[in-house]
Amino acid sequence: MTEESTKARRRGRGGPRARDIMRAKRSAPPAVNPCPPGPVGGQYKPLTDDQIETIYHSALRILEEIGMGKPPGTDRPGL
C-alpha cells in the first residue's frame, strides 16, 4: 500500500466532523418519550381515604394482638 491510499482510507472513516455528527445523534432525545411524566401535584390516588383508614386501623389491631416480639409458634424448643 502506498502512503496516498492509506491516507484516503483514514479519511474515509469520517474524521472529526462525522464524529461530531454521530455524537449529536446519540445525545438527541428519543422521538417518543419512553417514560412520560405522571400526574402533577399529587393527583394520583389509587386508594380512597376510607381504604387507607381501614388499612391503618388493621395494622394497629395486628400490632396490638401480635406485637413486635417473636412471631407466633417460635416459642417451641427446637425451632
Protein backbone atom coordinates (compact mmCIF):
# COMPACT_ATOMS: atom_id res chain seq x y z
CA MET A 1 0.00 0.00 0.00
CA THR A 2 1.13 3.46 -0.73
CA GLU A 3 1.04 6.35 1.63
CA GLU A 4 -1.63 8.02 -0.53
CA SER A 5 -4.05 5.07 -0.29
CA THR A 6 -3.54 4.82 3.49
CA LYS A 7 -4.45 8.50 3.93
CA ALA A 8 -7.53 8.07 1.72
CA ARG A 9 -8.71 5.10 3.77
CA ARG A 10 -8.29 7.03 7.03
CA ARG A 11 -10.22 9.97 5.62
CA GLY A 12 -13.00 7.63 4.52
CA ARG A 13 -13.88 6.81 8.12
CA GLY A 14 -15.38 10.23 8.62
CA GLY A 15 -12.96 12.28 10.64
CA PRO A 16 -13.79 14.81 13.34
CA ARG A 17 -16.89 16.20 11.61
CA ALA A 18 -18.52 12.79 11.24
CA ARG A 19 -17.67 12.02 14.86
CA ASP A 20 -19.39 15.24 15.96
CA ILE A 21 -22.47 14.36 13.89
CA MET A 22 -22.67 10.88 15.43
CA ARG A 23 -22.25 12.34 18.92
CA ALA A 24 -25.12 14.77 18.26
CA LYS A 25 -27.35 11.92 17.06
CA ARG A 26 -26.59 9.85 20.17
CA SER A 27 -27.27 12.74 22.56
CA ALA A 28 -30.52 13.80 20.89
CA PRO A 29 -33.68 12.98 22.87
CA PRO A 30 -35.71 9.99 21.59
CA ALA A 31 -38.59 10.64 19.21
CA VAL A 32 -41.05 9.10 21.68
CA ASN A 33 -40.61 9.68 25.41
CA PRO A 34 -40.23 6.20 26.94
CA CYS A 35 -41.22 7.48 30.39
CA PRO A 36 -43.69 10.36 30.20
CA PRO A 37 -44.33 12.34 33.39
CA GLY A 38 -47.14 11.26 35.68
CA PRO A 39 -49.94 13.34 37.14
CA VAL A 40 -48.94 16.71 38.52
CA GLY A 41 -49.37 17.78 42.11
CA GLY A 42 -50.23 14.53 43.87
CA GLN A 43 -53.42 13.83 41.94
CA TYR A 44 -52.75 10.07 41.73
CA LYS A 45 -54.78 8.34 44.44
CA PRO A 46 -55.08 4.56 43.98
CA LEU A 47 -56.87 4.20 47.35
CA THR A 48 -59.71 6.19 48.82
CA ASP A 49 -59.34 7.84 52.21
CA ASP A 50 -61.65 5.19 53.72
CA GLN A 51 -59.46 2.37 52.35
CA ILE A 52 -56.33 3.98 53.79
CA GLU A 53 -58.03 4.36 57.18
CA THR A 54 -59.09 0.69 57.11
CA ILE A 55 -55.51 -0.42 56.40
CA TYR A 56 -54.18 1.83 59.17
CA HIS A 57 -56.62 0.51 61.79
CA SER A 58 -55.95 -3.09 60.72
CA ALA A 59 -52.22 -2.54 61.15
CA LEU A 60 -52.76 -1.12 64.64
CA ARG A 61 -55.01 -4.06 65.59
CA ILE A 62 -52.40 -6.58 64.36
CA LEU A 63 -49.67 -4.81 66.34
CA GLU A 64 -51.86 -4.87 69.44
CA GLU A 65 -52.73 -8.57 69.12
CA ILE A 66 -49.37 -9.95 67.94
CA GLY A 67 -46.91 -7.25 68.93
CA MET A 68 -43.39 -6.89 67.63
CA GLY A 69 -41.77 -9.69 69.62
CA LYS A 70 -41.31 -13.24 68.45
CA PRO A 71 -43.63 -14.50 65.73
CA PRO A 72 -46.32 -16.92 66.98
CA GLY A 73 -45.20 -20.54 67.17
CA THR A 74 -41.50 -19.89 67.70
CA ASP A 75 -41.62 -20.49 71.44
CA ARG A 76 -41.39 -24.26 70.92
CA PRO A 77 -37.98 -25.79 71.64
CA GLY A 78 -36.00 -26.93 68.63
CA LEU A 79 -37.05 -24.18 66.28
